[in-house]
PDB file of N, CA and C in Angstrom:
ATOM      1  N   MET A   1     104.466  31.430  51.099  1.00  0.00           N
ATOM      2  CA  MET A   1     105.296  32.625  51.091  1.00  0.00           C
ATOM      3  C   MET A   1     104.680  33.711  51.970  1.00  0.00           C
ATOM      4  N   ILE A   2     103.399  33.938  51.864  1.00  0.00           N
ATOM      5  CA  ILE A   2     102.726  34.941  52.691  1.00  0.00           C
ATOM      6  C   ILE A   2     102.787  34.526  54.157  1.00  0.00           C
ATOM      7  N   GLU A   3     102.650  33.236  54.413  1.00  0.00           N
ATOM      8  CA  GLU A   3     102.724  32.744  55.786  1.00  0.00           C
ATOM      9  C   GLU A   3     104.101  33.028  56.391  1.00  0.00           C
ATOM     10  N   LYS A   4     105.128  32.884  55.578  1.00  0.00           N
ATOM     11  CA  LYS A   4     106.494  33.144  56.024  1.00  0.00           C
ATOM     12  C   LYS A   4     106.661  34.631  56.370  1.00  0.00           C
ATOM     13  N   MET A   5     106.096  35.528  55.538  1.00  0.00           N
ATOM     14  CA  MET A   5     106.171  36.967  55.799  1.00  0.00           C
ATOM     15  C   MET A   5     105.444  37.320  57.090  1.00  0.00           C
ATOM     16  N   ILE A   6     104.277  36.743  57.287  1.00  0.00           N
ATOM     17  CA  ILE A   6     103.504  37.008  58.505  1.00  0.00           C
ATOM     18  C   ILE A   6     104.272  36.512  59.719  1.00  0.00           C
ATOM     19  N   GLN A   7     104.865  35.330  59.587  1.00  0.00           N
ATOM     20  CA  GLN A   7     105.637  34.757  60.684  1.00  0.00           C
ATOM     21  C   GLN A   7     106.849  35.644  61.013  1.00  0.00           C
ATOM     22  N   ASN A   8     107.513  36.185  59.995  1.00  0.00           N
ATOM     23  CA  ASN A   8     108.653  37.080  60.218  1.00  0.00           C
ATOM     24  C   ASN A   8     108.223  38.366  60.910  1.00  0.00           C
ATOM     25  N   ARG A   9     107.082  38.910  60.509  1.00  0.00           N
ATOM     26  CA  ARG A   9     106.590  40.147  61.133  1.00  0.00           C
ATOM     27  C   ARG A   9     106.211  39.911  62.584  1.00  0.00           C
ATOM     28  N   VAL A  10     105.564  38.806  62.854  1.00  0.00           N
ATOM     29  CA  VAL A  10     105.183  38.486  64.228  1.00  0.00           C
ATOM     30  C   VAL A  10     106.446  38.287  65.066  1.00  0.00           C
ATOM     31  N   SER A  11     107.410  37.582  64.512  1.00  0.00           N
ATOM     32  CA  SER A  11     108.668  37.356  65.220  1.00  0.00           C
ATOM     33  C   SER A  11     109.373  38.675  65.512  1.00  0.00           C
ATOM     34  N   ARG A  12     109.412  39.569  64.543  1.00  0.00           N
ATOM     35  CA  ARG A  12     110.033  40.879  64.731  1.00  0.00           C
ATOM     36  C   ARG A  12     109.287  41.691  65.791  1.00  0.00           C
ATOM     37  N   ALA A  13     107.961  41.660  65.758  1.00  0.00           N
ATOM     38  CA  ALA A  13     107.159  42.401  66.735  1.00  0.00           C
ATOM     39  C   ALA A  13     107.404  41.867  68.148  1.00  0.00           C
ATOM     40  N   VAL A  14     107.509  40.553  68.287  1.00  0.00           N
ATOM     41  CA  VAL A  14     107.769  39.963  69.601  1.00  0.00           C
ATOM     42  C   VAL A  14     109.152  40.377  70.094  1.00  0.00           C
ATOM     43  N   LYS A  15     110.153  40.381  69.218  1.00  0.00           N
ATOM     44  CA  LYS A  15     111.505  40.785  69.601  1.00  0.00           C
ATOM     45  C   LYS A  15     111.530  42.252  70.041  1.00  0.00           C
ATOM     46  N   ILE A  16     110.848  43.111  69.297  1.00  0.00           N
ATOM     47  CA  ILE A  16     110.810  44.533  69.649  1.00  0.00           C
ATOM     48  C   ILE A  16     110.105  44.722  70.985  1.00  0.00           C
ATOM     49  N   LEU A  17     108.991  44.021  71.176  1.00  0.00           N
ATOM     50  CA  LEU A  17     108.259  44.110  72.437  1.00  0.00           C
ATOM     51  C   LEU A  17     109.128  43.665  73.603  1.00  0.00           C
ATOM     52  N   MET A  18     109.874  42.591  73.429  1.00  0.00           N
ATOM     53  CA  MET A  18     110.763  42.100  74.486  1.00  0.00           C
ATOM     54  C   MET A  18     111.861  43.122  74.792  1.00  0.00           C
ATOM     55  N   MET A  19     112.429  43.736  73.760  1.00  0.00           N
ATOM     56  CA  MET A  19     113.471  44.742  73.979  1.00  0.00           C
ATOM     57  C   MET A  19     112.909  45.955  74.719  1.00  0.00           C
ATOM     58  N   VAL A  20     111.700  46.382  74.353  1.00  0.00           N
ATOM     59  CA  VAL A  20     111.073  47.520  75.028  1.00  0.00           C
ATOM     60  C   VAL A  20     110.811  47.186  76.489  1.00  0.00           C
ATOM     61  N   LEU A  21     110.310  45.980  76.753  1.00  0.00           N
ATOM     62  CA  LEU A  21     110.039  45.578  78.132  1.00  0.00           C
ATOM     63  C   LEU A  21     111.320  45.496  78.958  1.00  0.00           C
ATOM     64  N   ILE A  22     112.367  44.938  78.385  1.00  0.00           N
ATOM     65  CA  ILE A  22     113.642  44.828  79.107  1.00  0.00           C
ATOM     66  C   ILE A  22     114.231  46.217  79.364  1.00  0.00           C
ATOM     67  N   ALA A  23     114.202  47.085  78.348  1.00  0.00           N
ATOM     68  CA  ALA A  23     114.730  48.447  78.517  1.00  0.00           C
ATOM     69  C   ALA A  23     113.918  49.214  79.564  1.00  0.00           C
ATOM     70  N   SER A  24     112.593  49.072  79.535  1.00  0.00           N
ATOM     71  CA  SER A  24     111.741  49.751  80.517  1.00  0.00           C
ATOM     72  C   SER A  24     112.048  49.257  81.920  1.00  0.00           C
ATOM     73  N   ALA A  25     112.196  47.953  82.074  1.00  0.00           N
ATOM     74  CA  ALA A  25     112.515  47.390  83.386  1.00  0.00           C
ATOM     75  C   ALA A  25     113.875  47.890  83.867  1.00  0.00           C
ATOM     76  N   LEU A  26     114.841  47.926  82.981  1.00  0.00           N
ATOM     77  CA  LEU A  26     116.172  48.395  83.350  1.00  0.00           C
ATOM     78  C   LEU A  26     116.155  49.863  83.758  1.00  0.00           C
ATOM     79  N   PHE A  27     115.530  50.712  82.928  1.00  0.00           N
ATOM     80  CA  PHE A  27     115.455  52.133  83.262  1.00  0.00           C
ATOM     81  C   PHE A  27     114.659  52.354  84.541  1.00  0.00           C
ATOM     82  N   GLY A  28     113.571  51.613  84.712  1.00  0.00           N
ATOM     83  CA  GLY A  28     112.784  51.727  85.940  1.00  0.00           C
ATOM     84  C   GLY A  28     113.606  51.371  87.166  1.00  0.00           C
ATOM     85  N   PHE A  29     114.382  50.302  87.066  1.00  0.00           N
ATOM     86  CA  PHE A  29     115.232  49.892  88.181  1.00  0.00           C
ATOM     87  C   PHE A  29     116.304  50.939  88.478  1.00  0.00           C
ATOM     88  N   VAL A  30     116.893  51.501  87.435  1.00  0.00           N
ATOM     89  CA  VAL A  30     117.926  52.527  87.620  1.00  0.00           C
ATOM     90  C   VAL A  30     117.332  53.770  88.284  1.00  0.00           C
ATOM     91  N   VAL A  31     116.156  54.227  87.800  1.00  0.00           N
ATOM     92  CA  VAL A  31     115.514  55.409  88.388  1.00  0.00           C
ATOM     93  C   VAL A  31     115.158  55.133  89.841  1.00  0.00           C
ATOM     94  N   MET A  32     114.588  53.965  90.119  1.00  0.00           N
ATOM     95  CA  MET A  32     114.217  53.616  91.488  1.00  0.00           C
ATOM     96  C   MET A  32     115.448  53.591  92.389  1.00  0.00           C
ATOM     97  N   SER A  33     116.512  52.983  91.916  1.00  0.00           N
ATOM     98  CA  SER A  33     117.729  52.884  92.730  1.00  0.00           C
ATOM     99  C   SER A  33     118.330  54.256  93.011  1.00  0.00           C
ATOM    100  N   LEU A  34     118.425  55.085  91.971  1.00  0.00           N
ATOM    101  CA  LEU A  34     118.988  56.427  92.168  1.00  0.00           C
ATOM    102  C   LEU A  34     118.106  57.266  93.093  1.00  0.00           C
ATOM    103  N   TRP A  35     116.804  57.204  92.889  1.00  0.00           N
ATOM    104  CA  TRP A  35     115.878  57.965  93.730  1.00  0.00           C
ATOM    105  C   TRP A  35     116.032  57.534  95.185  1.00  0.00           C
ATOM    106  N   ASN A  36     115.961  56.209  95.417  1.00  0.00           N
ATOM    107  CA  ASN A  36     116.006  55.704  96.788  1.00  0.00           C
ATOM    108  C   ASN A  36     117.365  55.914  97.447  1.00  0.00           C
ATOM    109  N   TRP A  37     118.408  56.078  96.647  1.00  0.00           N
ATOM    110  CA  TRP A  37     119.727  56.344  97.195  1.00  0.00           C
ATOM    111  C   TRP A  37     119.902  57.825  97.530  1.00  0.00           C
ATOM    112  N   LEU A  38     119.415  58.711  96.623  1.00  0.00           N
ATOM    113  CA  LEU A  38     119.681  60.138  96.779  1.00  0.00           C
ATOM    114  C   LEU A  38     118.592  60.926  97.503  1.00  0.00           C
ATOM    115  N   MET A  39     117.361  60.790  97.089  1.00  0.00           N
ATOM    116  CA  MET A  39     116.306  61.681  97.576  1.00  0.00           C
ATOM    117  C   MET A  39     116.039  61.578  99.077  1.00  0.00           C
ATOM    118  N   PRO A  40     115.950  60.380  99.652  1.00  0.00           N
ATOM    119  CA  PRO A  40     115.734  60.345 101.107  1.00  0.00           C
ATOM    120  C   PRO A  40     116.908  60.952 101.883  1.00  0.00           C
ATOM    121  N   ALA A  41     118.121  60.717 101.424  1.00  0.00           N
ATOM    122  CA  ALA A  41     119.293  61.245 102.130  1.00  0.00           C
ATOM    123  C   ALA A  41     119.428  62.758 101.967  1.00  0.00           C
ATOM    124  N   LEU A  42     119.146  63.268 100.766  1.00  0.00           N
ATOM    125  CA  LEU A  42     119.336  64.699 100.510  1.00  0.00           C
ATOM    126  C   LEU A  42     118.174  65.558 100.994  1.00  0.00           C
ATOM    127  N   PHE A  43     116.949  65.101 100.714  1.00  0.00           N
ATOM    128  CA  PHE A  43     115.783  65.943 100.974  1.00  0.00           C
ATOM    129  C   PHE A  43     114.818  65.369 102.000  1.00  0.00           C
ATOM    130  N   GLY A  44     115.060  64.157 102.456  1.00  0.00           N
ATOM    131  CA  GLY A  44     114.161  63.534 103.423  1.00  0.00           C
ATOM    132  C   GLY A  44     112.888  62.999 102.793  1.00  0.00           C
ATOM    133  N   TRP A  45     112.869  62.841 101.476  1.00  0.00           N
ATOM    134  CA  TRP A  45     111.684  62.318 100.793  1.00  0.00           C
ATOM    135  C   TRP A  45     111.613  60.810 100.971  1.00  0.00           C
ATOM    136  N   ARG A  46     110.431  60.253 100.742  1.00  0.00           N
ATOM    137  CA  ARG A  46     110.241  58.819 100.889  1.00  0.00           C
ATOM    138  C   ARG A  46     110.822  58.059  99.704  1.00  0.00           C
ATOM    139  N   SER A  47     111.097  56.782  99.920  1.00  0.00           N
ATOM    140  CA  SER A  47     111.541  55.903  98.846  1.00  0.00           C
ATOM    141  C   SER A  47     110.362  55.581  97.935  1.00  0.00           C
ATOM    142  N   ILE A  48     110.665  55.200  96.707  1.00  0.00           N
ATOM    143  CA  ILE A  48     109.612  54.857  95.757  1.00  0.00           C
ATOM    144  C   ILE A  48     109.749  53.401  95.332  1.00  0.00           C
ATOM    145  N   SER A  49     108.645  52.859  94.826  1.00  0.00           N
ATOM    146  CA  SER A  49     108.651  51.477  94.345  1.00  0.00           C
ATOM    147  C   SER A  49     109.058  51.441  92.870  1.00  0.00           C
ATOM    148  N   PHE A  50     109.245  50.240  92.365  1.00  0.00           N
ATOM    149  CA  PHE A  50     109.591  50.058  90.953  1.00  0.00           C
ATOM    150  C   PHE A  50     108.510  50.658  90.053  1.00  0.00           C
ATOM    151  N   TRP A  51     107.236  50.415  90.380  1.00  0.00           N
ATOM    152  CA  TRP A  51     106.133  50.905  89.553  1.00  0.00           C
ATOM    153  C   TRP A  51     106.033  52.422  89.604  1.00  0.00           C
ATOM    154  N   GLN A  52     106.335  53.007  90.746  1.00  0.00           N
ATOM    155  CA  GLN A  52     106.359  54.469  90.838  1.00  0.00           C
ATOM    156  C   GLN A  52     107.503  55.038  90.005  1.00  0.00           C
ATOM    157  N   ALA A  53     108.621  54.334  89.966  1.00  0.00           N
ATOM    158  CA  ALA A  53     109.747  54.775  89.138  1.00  0.00           C
ATOM    159  C   ALA A  53     109.370  54.733  87.662  1.00  0.00           C
ATOM    160  N   LEU A  54     108.664  53.664  87.234  1.00  0.00           N
ATOM    161  CA  LEU A  54     108.197  53.614  85.838  1.00  0.00           C
ATOM    162  C   LEU A  54     107.221  54.741  85.550  1.00  0.00           C
ATOM    163  N   GLY A  55     106.332  55.022  86.502  1.00  0.00           N
ATOM    164  CA  GLY A  55     105.406  56.141  86.338  1.00  0.00           C
ATOM    165  C   GLY A  55     106.131  57.469  86.238  1.00  0.00           C
ATOM    166  N   LEU A  56     107.179  57.625  87.026  1.00  0.00           N
ATOM    167  CA  LEU A  56     107.988  58.845  86.971  1.00  0.00           C
ATOM    168  C   LEU A  56     108.679  58.986  85.615  1.00  0.00           C
ATOM    169  N   LEU A  57     109.195  57.880  85.085  1.00  0.00           N
ATOM    170  CA  LEU A  57     109.797  57.909  83.745  1.00  0.00           C
ATOM    171  C   LEU A  57     108.780  58.323  82.695  1.00  0.00           C
ATOM    172  N   LEU A  58     107.596  57.746  82.752  1.00  0.00           N
ATOM    173  CA  LEU A  58     106.537  58.078  81.793  1.00  0.00           C
ATOM    174  C   LEU A  58     106.135  59.541  81.920  1.00  0.00           C
ATOM    175  N   LEU A  59     105.987  60.014  83.144  1.00  0.00           N
ATOM    176  CA  LEU A  59     105.607  61.408  83.369  1.00  0.00           C
ATOM    177  C   LEU A  59     106.657  62.369  82.812  1.00  0.00           C
ATOM    178  N   THR A  60     107.941  62.088  83.056  1.00  0.00           N
ATOM    179  CA  THR A  60     108.978  62.974  82.534  1.00  0.00           C
ATOM    180  C   THR A  60     109.031  62.932  81.015  1.00  0.00           C
ATOM    181  N   LYS A  61     108.784  61.771  80.433  1.00  0.00           N
ATOM    182  CA  LYS A  61     108.741  61.668  78.963  1.00  0.00           C
ATOM    183  C   LYS A  61     107.605  62.514  78.406  1.00  0.00           C
ATOM    184  N   LEU A  62     106.449  62.439  79.042  1.00  0.00           N
ATOM    185  CA  LEU A  62     105.303  63.219  78.572  1.00  0.00           C
ATOM    186  C   LEU A  62     105.533  64.718  78.745  1.00  0.00           C
ATOM    187  N   LEU A  63     106.087  65.114  79.889  1.00  0.00           N
ATOM    188  CA  LEU A  63     106.272  66.539  80.163  1.00  0.00           C
ATOM    189  C   LEU A  63     107.419  67.155  79.371  1.00  0.00           C
ATOM    190  N   PHE A  64     108.523  66.440  79.250  1.00  0.00           N
ATOM    191  CA  PHE A  64     109.711  67.024  78.642  1.00  0.00           C
ATOM    192  C   PHE A  64     110.021  66.498  77.249  1.00  0.00           C
ATOM    193  N   GLY A  65     109.530  65.315  76.911  1.00  0.00           N
ATOM    194  CA  GLY A  65     109.844  64.726  75.622  1.00  0.00           C
ATOM    195  C   GLY A  65     108.703  64.781  74.635  1.00  0.00           C
ATOM    196  N   GLY A  66     107.502  65.007  75.123  1.00  0.00           N
ATOM    197  CA  GLY A  66     106.347  65.015  74.241  1.00  0.00           C
ATOM    198  C   GLY A  66     106.002  63.625  73.759  1.00  0.00           C
ATOM    199  N   LEU A  67     105.134  63.550  72.783  1.00  0.00           N
ATOM    200  CA  LEU A  67     104.694  62.266  72.252  1.00  0.00           C
ATOM    201  C   LEU A  67     105.183  62.052  70.835  1.00  0.00           C
ATOM    202  N   ARG A  68     106.227  62.748  70.429  1.00  0.00           N
ATOM    203  CA  ARG A  68     106.682  62.678  69.046  1.00  0.00           C
ATOM    204  C   ARG A  68     107.527  61.457  68.747  1.00  0.00           C
ATOM    205  N   GLY A  69     107.822  60.663  69.712  1.00  0.00           N
ATOM    206  CA  GLY A  69     108.595  59.456  69.462  1.00  0.00           C
ATOM    207  C   GLY A  69     110.043  59.767  69.192  1.00  0.00           C
ATOM    208  N   GLY A  70     110.874  59.607  70.147  1.00  0.00           N
ATOM    209  CA  GLY A  70     112.290  59.879  69.978  1.00  0.00           C
ATOM    210  C   GLY A  70     112.692  61.094  70.778  1.00  0.00           C
ATOM    211  N   TRP A  71     113.967  61.191  71.030  1.00  0.00           N
ATOM    212  CA  TRP A  71     114.487  62.263  71.862  1.00  0.00           C
ATOM    213  C   TRP A  71     115.268  63.285  71.057  1.00  0.00           C
ATOM    214  N   SER A  72     115.395  63.120  69.755  1.00  0.00           N
ATOM    215  CA  SER A  72     116.303  63.973  69.000  1.00  0.00           C
ATOM    216  C   SER A  72     115.599  64.996  68.124  1.00  0.00           C
ATOM    217  N   HIS A  73     114.356  65.364  68.428  1.00  0.00           N
ATOM    218  CA  HIS A  73     113.660  66.310  67.555  1.00  0.00           C
ATOM    219  C   HIS A  73     114.242  67.713  67.641  1.00  0.00           C
ATOM    220  N   GLY A  74     115.093  68.006  68.622  1.00  0.00           N
ATOM    221  CA  GLY A  74     115.711  69.322  68.736  1.00  0.00           C
ATOM    222  C   GLY A  74     116.697  69.613  67.621  1.00  0.00           C
ATOM    223  N   ARG A  75     117.255  68.588  67.020  1.00  0.00           N
ATOM    224  CA  ARG A  75     118.227  68.796  65.949  1.00  0.00           C
ATOM    225  C   ARG A  75     117.592  69.497  64.751  1.00  0.00           C
ATOM    226  N   HIS A  76     116.359  69.137  64.427  1.00  0.00           N
ATOM    227  CA  HIS A  76     115.686  69.750  63.286  1.00  0.00           C
ATOM    228  C   HIS A  76     115.464  71.237  63.536  1.00  0.00           C
ATOM    229  N   TRP A  77     115.106  71.587  64.771  1.00  0.00           N
ATOM    230  CA  TRP A  77     114.883  72.982  65.123  1.00  0.00           C
ATOM    231  C   TRP A  77     116.182  73.766  64.987  1.00  0.00           C
ATOM    232  N   ARG A  78     117.281  73.193  65.499  1.00  0.00           N
ATOM    233  CA  ARG A  78     118.569  73.875  65.414  1.00  0.00           C
ATOM    234  C   ARG A  78     118.997  74.095  63.971  1.00  0.00           C
ATOM    235  N   ARG A  79     118.792  73.080  63.134  1.00  0.00           N
ATOM    236  CA  ARG A  79     119.191  73.211  61.737  1.00  0.00           C
ATOM    237  C   ARG A  79     118.398  74.339  61.064  1.00  0.00           C
ATOM    238  N   GLY A  80     117.094  74.401  61.341  1.00  0.00           N
ATOM    239  CA  GLY A  80     116.267  75.460  60.762  1.00  0.00           C
ATOM    240  C   GLY A  80     116.687  76.843  61.239  1.00  0.00           C
ATOM    241  N   MET A  81     117.027  76.945  62.526  1.00  0.00           N
ATOM    242  CA  MET A  81     117.473  78.230  63.048  1.00  0.00           C
ATOM    243  C   MET A  81     118.817  78.633  62.443  1.00  0.00           C
ATOM    244  N   ARG A  82     119.697  77.675  62.244  1.00  0.00           N
ATOM    245  CA  ARG A  82     121.000  77.979  61.637  1.00  0.00           C
ATOM    246  C   ARG A  82     120.806  78.503  60.214  1.00  0.00           C
ATOM    247  N   GLU A  83     119.932  77.846  59.457  1.00  0.00           N
ATOM    248  CA  GLU A  83     119.677  78.297  58.086  1.00  0.00           C
ATOM    249  C   GLU A  83     119.062  79.695  58.080  1.00  0.00           C
ATOM    250  N   ARG A  84     118.156  79.935  59.010  1.00  0.00           N
ATOM    251  CA  ARG A  84     117.530  81.253  59.100  1.00  0.00           C
ATOM    252  C   ARG A  84     118.573  82.312  59.454  1.00  0.00           C
ATOM    253  N   TRP A  85     119.468  81.982  60.397  1.00  0.00           N
ATOM    254  CA  TRP A  85     120.524  82.900  60.822  1.00  0.00           C
ATOM    255  C   TRP A  85     121.444  83.249  59.661  1.00  0.00           C
ATOM    256  N   GLU A  86     121.796  82.260  58.845  1.00  0.00           N
ATOM    257  CA  GLU A  86     122.694  82.476  57.721  1.00  0.00           C
ATOM    258  C   GLU A  86     122.072  83.355  56.645  1.00  0.00           C
ATOM    259  N   ARG A  87     120.750  83.364  56.532  1.00  0.00           N
ATOM    260  CA  ARG A  87     120.075  84.209  55.541  1.00  0.00           C
ATOM    261  C   ARG A  87     119.923  85.654  56.007  1.00  0.00           C
ATOM    262  N   MET A  88     120.158  85.911  57.298  1.00  0.00           N
ATOM    263  CA  MET A  88     119.974  87.264  57.837  1.00  0.00           C
ATOM    264  C   MET A  88     121.136  88.165  57.455  1.00  0.00           C
ATOM    265  N   THR A  89     120.824  89.441  57.355  1.00  0.00           N
ATOM    266  CA  THR A  89     121.872  90.447  57.160  1.00  0.00           C
ATOM    267  C   THR A  89     122.517  90.723  58.518  1.00  0.00           C
ATOM    268  N   PRO A  90     123.700  91.351  58.533  1.00  0.00           N
ATOM    269  CA  PRO A  90     124.326  91.680  59.828  1.00  0.00           C
ATOM    270  C   PRO A  90     123.433  92.552  60.721  1.00  0.00           C
ATOM    271  N   GLU A  91     122.660  93.465  60.128  1.00  0.00           N
ATOM    272  CA  GLU A  91     121.756  94.309  60.913  1.00  0.00           C
ATOM    273  C   GLU A  91     120.649  93.469  61.552  1.00  0.00           C
ATOM    274  N   GLN A  92     120.097  92.534  60.783  1.00  0.00           N
ATOM    275  CA  GLN A  92     119.058  91.656  61.319  1.00  0.00           C
ATOM    276  C   GLN A  92     119.610  90.766  62.434  1.00  0.00           C
ATOM    277  N   ARG A  93     120.830  90.308  62.269  1.00  0.00           N
ATOM    278  CA  ARG A  93     121.446  89.467  63.299  1.00  0.00           C
ATOM    279  C   ARG A  93     121.629  90.251  64.595  1.00  0.00           C
ATOM    280  N   GLU A  94     122.079  91.492  64.482  1.00  0.00           N
ATOM    281  CA  GLU A  94     122.284  92.321  65.674  1.00  0.00           C
ATOM    282  C   GLU A  94     120.955  92.593  66.372  1.00  0.00           C
ATOM    283  N   LYS A  95     119.917  92.864  65.599  1.00  0.00           N
ATOM    284  CA  LYS A  95     118.596  93.092  66.170  1.00  0.00           C
ATOM    285  C   LYS A  95     118.099  91.827  66.889  1.00  0.00           C
ATOM    286  N   MET A  96     118.354  90.657  66.294  1.00  0.00           N
ATOM    287  CA  MET A  96     117.957  89.387  66.905  1.00  0.00           C
ATOM    288  C   MET A  96     118.719  89.157  68.206  1.00  0.00           C
ATOM    289  N   ARG A  97     120.028  89.458  68.214  1.00  0.00           N
ATOM    290  CA  ARG A  97     120.831  89.326  69.438  1.00  0.00           C
ATOM    291  C   ARG A  97     120.249  90.195  70.554  1.00  0.00           C
ATOM    292  N   GLU A  98     119.896  91.436  70.208  1.00  0.00           N
ATOM    293  CA  GLU A  98     119.347  92.358  71.205  1.00  0.00           C
ATOM    294  C   GLU A  98     118.034  91.828  71.773  1.00  0.00           C
ATOM    295  N   ARG A  99     117.167  91.293  70.905  1.00  0.00           N
ATOM    296  CA  ARG A  99     115.892  90.727  71.387  1.00  0.00           C
ATOM    297  C   ARG A  99     116.120  89.512  72.280  1.00  0.00           C
ATOM    298  N   LEU A 100     117.075  88.658  71.901  1.00  0.00           N
ATOM    299  CA  LEU A 100     117.367  87.471  72.712  1.00  0.00           C
ATOM    300  C   LEU A 100     117.948  87.866  74.069  1.00  0.00           C
ATOM    301  N   GLN A 101     118.825  88.867  74.074  1.00  0.00           N
ATOM    302  CA  GLN A 101     119.412  89.306  75.336  1.00  0.00           C
ATOM    303  C   GLN A 101     118.362  89.966  76.220  1.00  0.00           C
ATOM    304  N   ALA A 102     117.390  90.633  75.619  1.00  0.00           N
ATOM    305  CA  ALA A 102     116.337  91.278  76.401  1.00  0.00           C
ATOM    306  C   ALA A 102     115.460  90.239  77.108  1.00  0.00           C
ATOM    307  N   CYS A 103     115.197  89.125  76.444  1.00  0.00           N
ATOM    308  CA  CYS A 103     114.318  88.136  77.071  1.00  0.00           C
ATOM    309  C   CYS A 103     115.078  87.052  77.820  1.00  0.00           C
ATOM    310  N   CYS A 104     116.293  86.736  77.402  1.00  0.00           N
ATOM    311  CA  CYS A 104     117.029  85.602  77.984  1.00  0.00           C
ATOM    312  C   CYS A 104     118.242  86.013  78.797  1.00  0.00           C
ATOM    313  N   GLY A 105     118.604  87.269  78.768  1.00  0.00           N
ATOM    314  CA  GLY A 105     119.786  87.708  79.490  1.00  0.00           C
ATOM    315  C   GLY A 105     121.022  87.646  78.608  1.00  0.00           C
ATOM    316  N   PRO A 106     122.129  88.180  79.106  1.00  0.00           N
ATOM    317  CA  PRO A 106     123.355  88.200  78.303  1.00  0.00           C
ATOM    318  C   PRO A 106     123.902  86.794  78.082  1.00  0.00           C
ATOM    319  N   PHE A 107     124.542  86.621  76.960  1.00  0.00           N
ATOM    320  CA  PHE A 107     125.179  85.345  76.644  1.00  0.00           C
ATOM    321  C   PHE A 107     126.513  85.638  75.986  1.00  0.00           C
ATOM    322  N   PRO A 108     127.453  84.682  76.099  1.00  0.00           N
ATOM    323  CA  PRO A 108     128.782  84.929  75.537  1.00  0.00           C
ATOM    324  C   PRO A 108     128.746  85.089  74.031  1.00  0.00           C
ATOM    325  N   ALA A 109     129.621  85.918  73.525  1.00  0.00           N
ATOM    326  CA  ALA A 109     129.688  86.166  72.086  1.00  0.00           C
ATOM    327  C   ALA A 109     130.290  84.954  71.385  1.00  0.00           C
ATOM    328  N   SER A 110     129.759  84.640  70.229  1.00  0.00           N
ATOM    329  CA  SER A 110     130.286  83.522  69.461  1.00  0.00           C
ATOM    330  C   SER A 110     131.515  83.989  68.680  1.00  0.00           C
ATOM    331  N   ALA A 111     132.208  83.060  68.058  1.00  0.00           N
ATOM    332  CA  ALA A 111     133.385  83.387  67.246  1.00  0.00           C
ATOM    333  C   ALA A 111     132.990  84.282  66.091  1.00  0.00           C
ATOM    334  N   GLU A 112     131.790  84.039  65.537  1.00  0.00           N
ATOM    335  CA  GLU A 112     131.307  84.844  64.412  1.00  0.00           C
ATOM    336  C   GLU A 112     131.104  86.292  64.852  1.00  0.00           C
ATOM    337  N   THR A 113     130.551  86.505  66.062  1.00  0.00           N
ATOM    338  CA  THR A 113     130.309  87.842  66.562  1.00  0.00           C
ATOM    339  C   THR A 113     131.622  88.582  66.756  1.00  0.00           C
ATOM    340  N   LYS A 114     132.618  87.889  67.285  1.00  0.00           N
ATOM    341  CA  LYS A 114     133.922  88.519  67.518  1.00  0.00           C
ATOM    342  C   LYS A 114     134.556  88.962  66.218  1.00  0.00           C
ATOM    343  N   THR A 115     134.423  88.138  65.158  1.00  0.00           N
ATOM    344  CA  THR A 115     135.024  88.510  63.878  1.00  0.00           C
ATOM    345  C   THR A 115     134.241  89.626  63.211  1.00  0.00           C
ATOM    346  N   GLU A 116     132.924  89.676  63.412  1.00  0.00           N
ATOM    347  CA  GLU A 116     132.126  90.739  62.812  1.00  0.00           C
ATOM    348  C   GLU A 116     132.465  92.092  63.429  1.00  0.00           C
ATOM    349  N   LYS A 117     132.715  92.117  64.753  1.00  0.00           N
ATOM    350  CA  LYS A 117     132.978  93.374  65.434  1.00  0.00           C
ATOM    351  C   LYS A 117     134.405  93.850  65.232  1.00  0.00           C
ATOM    352  N   SER A 118     135.297  92.993  64.787  1.00  0.00           N
ATOM    353  CA  SER A 118     136.710  93.355  64.585  1.00  0.00           C
ATOM    354  C   SER A 118     136.900  94.192  63.350  1.00  0.00           C
TER     355      SER A 118
END
């Protein structure tokens, strides 16, 4: 029974590894193809190899995605901000809007803002 469990885990690990390798190869090929099609024609840059495309994918993941595993960690931040916003009084919300506009520039009013000012 234990041997069967170990065999299932090894089989699952091999399947996951194969899927990761295939996905990496596919994404690397897509990045390489798009780069070699667009960048030399638009900017006069050199073409890149498959391995450079994989390196570029890894670099962008590290710089923009972090090492947290997954691309959807922004949802948790948004949910927390929404809850915080809902707990604020109208005066606190207006003060927050003013601070955001001071650092980020003007932004369109939401439906909630329009109804509050009416």
